[in-house]
Amino acid sequence: MTSDKPSRHSPSRHSEGMATRRAVLGDEWVDRAEANKTAFDEPFQDLITEAAWGHLWSRPHWTKRERSMVTIALLAALGHHEELEMHLRATANTGASEDDIREALMHVAIYAGVPAANHAIKIAKRVLKEMREEQS
């Protein structure tokens, strides 16, 4: 069923969000996500492109490295492991180092719990190893 309501889609926020999303996640990741988009999830994809990438990640107050570290800590603390893996891989584009990732996850251990950090560290070790192997 389609709605007769006008779209709340903001073309300029969407364009800015898509540029930031590509800068952080890489063209290959975004192209794959866009290719899998359907009429069902298109409004959701527009929402995250505009809100997360166009508004939040595009703000000037923090660097992409800083946003990357905070995002990794939050995703680890909340147990969002698939998104955590995606953002760990994005550190190749954000400038967050392995030391940054470790420090973010150390904060998770204290402020969100050792089990959350322990699992996130296991994921980070695997993803970082894969990233090093891909560069070889």
Protein backbone atom coordinates (compact mmCIF):
# COMPACT_ATOMS: atom_id res chain seq x y z
CA MET A 1 0.00 0.00 0.00
CA THR A 2 1.42 3.41 -0.91
CA SER A 3 0.90 6.65 0.90
CA ASP A 4 -0.51 9.82 -0.65
CA LYS A 5 1.53 11.90 1.80
CA PRO A 6 4.39 13.90 0.31
CA SER A 7 7.91 12.64 0.98
CA ARG A 8 9.85 14.29 3.78
CA HIS A 9 13.02 13.43 1.89
CA SER A 10 15.54 16.31 1.93
CA PRO A 11 17.59 16.19 -1.30
CA SER A 12 20.44 18.34 0.04
CA ARG A 13 20.69 16.45 3.36
CA HIS A 14 20.49 13.18 1.43
CA SER A 15 23.30 14.21 -0.94
CA GLU A 16 25.50 15.33 1.94
CA GLY A 17 24.69 12.14 3.82
CA MET A 18 25.48 9.93 0.85
CA ALA A 19 28.84 11.67 0.37
CA THR A 20 29.71 11.19 4.05
CA ARG A 21 28.44 7.61 4.04
CA ARG A 22 30.67 6.84 1.05
CA ALA A 23 33.68 8.57 2.67
CA VAL A 24 33.29 6.50 5.85
CA LEU A 25 32.07 3.12 4.60
CA GLY A 26 33.53 3.14 1.09
CA ASP A 27 31.88 3.05 -2.31
CA GLU A 28 31.80 -0.74 -2.50
CA TRP A 29 29.84 -1.07 0.75
CA VAL A 30 27.38 1.70 -0.12
CA ASP A 31 26.90 0.46 -3.70
CA ARG A 32 26.08 -3.01 -2.37
CA ALA A 33 23.60 -1.56 0.16
CA GLU A 34 21.97 0.59 -2.52
CA ALA A 35 21.70 -2.36 -4.90
CA ASN A 36 19.84 -4.34 -2.23
CA LYS A 37 17.41 -1.53 -1.40
CA THR A 38 13.74 -2.28 -2.02
CA ALA A 39 10.53 -0.25 -1.96
CA PHE A 40 9.99 -1.67 1.54
CA ASP A 41 13.22 -0.36 3.08
CA GLU A 42 13.81 2.71 0.90
CA PRO A 43 12.22 5.10 3.47
CA PHE A 44 14.46 3.59 6.17
CA GLN A 45 17.55 3.91 3.96
CA ASP A 46 16.65 7.56 3.27
CA LEU A 47 16.23 8.13 7.01
CA ILE A 48 19.66 6.78 7.96
CA THR A 49 21.35 8.48 5.01
CA GLU A 50 19.86 11.85 5.97
CA ALA A 51 19.85 11.59 9.77
CA ALA A 52 22.90 9.49 10.63
CA TRP A 53 25.16 10.39 7.72
CA GLY A 54 23.80 13.75 6.53
CA HIS A 55 23.13 15.29 9.90
CA LEU A 56 25.17 13.56 12.58
CA TRP A 57 28.30 12.29 10.79
CA SER A 58 28.52 15.46 8.69
CA ARG A 59 28.62 17.83 11.68
CA PRO A 60 31.88 19.77 12.00
CA HIS A 61 32.46 19.51 15.76
CA TRP A 62 34.13 16.08 15.81
CA THR A 63 36.43 14.46 13.30
CA LYS A 64 35.43 11.25 11.58
CA ARG A 65 38.06 9.54 13.76
CA GLU A 66 36.36 10.77 16.93
CA ARG A 67 32.90 9.81 15.68
CA SER A 68 34.26 6.41 14.71
CA MET A 69 35.58 5.71 18.22
CA VAL A 70 32.33 6.79 19.89
CA THR A 71 30.26 4.75 17.44
CA ILE A 72 32.39 1.65 18.01
CA ALA A 73 32.04 2.01 21.78
CA LEU A 74 28.26 2.48 21.57
CA LEU A 75 27.72 -0.42 19.20
CA ALA A 76 29.88 -2.69 21.37
CA ALA A 77 28.09 -1.61 24.54
CA LEU A 78 24.68 -2.25 22.98
CA GLY A 79 25.69 -5.59 21.47
CA HIS A 80 25.06 -4.56 17.86
CA HIS A 81 27.73 -6.85 16.48
CA GLU A 82 27.03 -6.63 12.73
CA GLU A 83 27.08 -2.83 12.84
CA LEU A 84 30.19 -2.98 15.05
CA GLU A 85 31.97 -5.05 12.41
CA MET A 86 30.96 -2.58 9.69
CA HIS A 87 32.30 0.36 11.72
CA LEU A 88 35.50 -1.48 12.59
CA ARG A 89 36.10 -1.90 8.87
CA ALA A 90 35.27 1.78 8.34
CA THR A 91 38.26 2.77 10.50
CA ALA A 92 40.33 2.29 7.34
CA ASN A 93 38.58 5.47 6.13
CA THR A 94 38.05 7.37 9.38
CA GLY A 95 41.62 7.34 10.66
CA ALA A 96 40.82 5.54 13.91
CA SER A 97 43.78 3.31 14.72
CA GLU A 98 43.93 -0.09 16.39
CA ASP A 99 45.05 1.76 19.53
CA ASP A 100 41.94 3.96 19.29
CA ILE A 101 39.72 0.90 18.94
CA ARG A 102 41.34 -0.78 21.92
CA GLU A 103 40.87 2.33 24.08
CA ALA A 104 37.22 2.65 23.05
CA LEU A 105 36.61 -0.97 23.98
CA MET A 106 38.42 -0.54 27.30
CA HIS A 107 35.86 2.18 28.09
CA VAL A 108 33.10 -0.25 27.18
CA ALA A 109 34.46 -2.73 29.74
CA ILE A 110 34.24 -0.21 32.56
CA TYR A 111 31.09 1.68 31.61
CA ALA A 112 29.00 -1.03 29.93
CA GLY A 113 30.43 -4.28 31.25
CA VAL A 114 33.22 -6.74 30.71
CA PRO A 115 31.10 -9.27 28.77
CA ALA A 116 30.15 -6.63 26.18
CA ALA A 117 33.77 -5.56 25.80
CA ASN A 118 35.04 -9.13 25.76
CA HIS A 119 32.79 -10.06 22.84
CA ALA A 120 33.57 -6.81 21.00
CA ILE A 121 37.31 -7.42 21.42
CA LYS A 122 36.90 -10.89 19.93
CA ILE A 123 35.12 -9.34 16.93
CA ALA A 124 37.71 -6.56 16.64
CA LYS A 125 40.64 -9.01 16.69
CA ARG A 126 39.07 -11.02 13.86
CA VAL A 127 38.12 -8.00 11.76
CA LEU A 128 41.47 -6.26 12.22
CA LYS A 129 43.31 -9.47 11.27
CA GLU A 130 41.16 -9.79 8.14
CA MET A 131 41.82 -6.15 7.25
CA ARG A 132 45.60 -6.66 7.62
CA GLU A 133 45.43 -9.79 5.44
CA GLU A 134 43.40 -7.95 2.79
CA GLN A 135 46.11 -5.26 2.64
CA SER A 136 48.87 -7.87 2.09
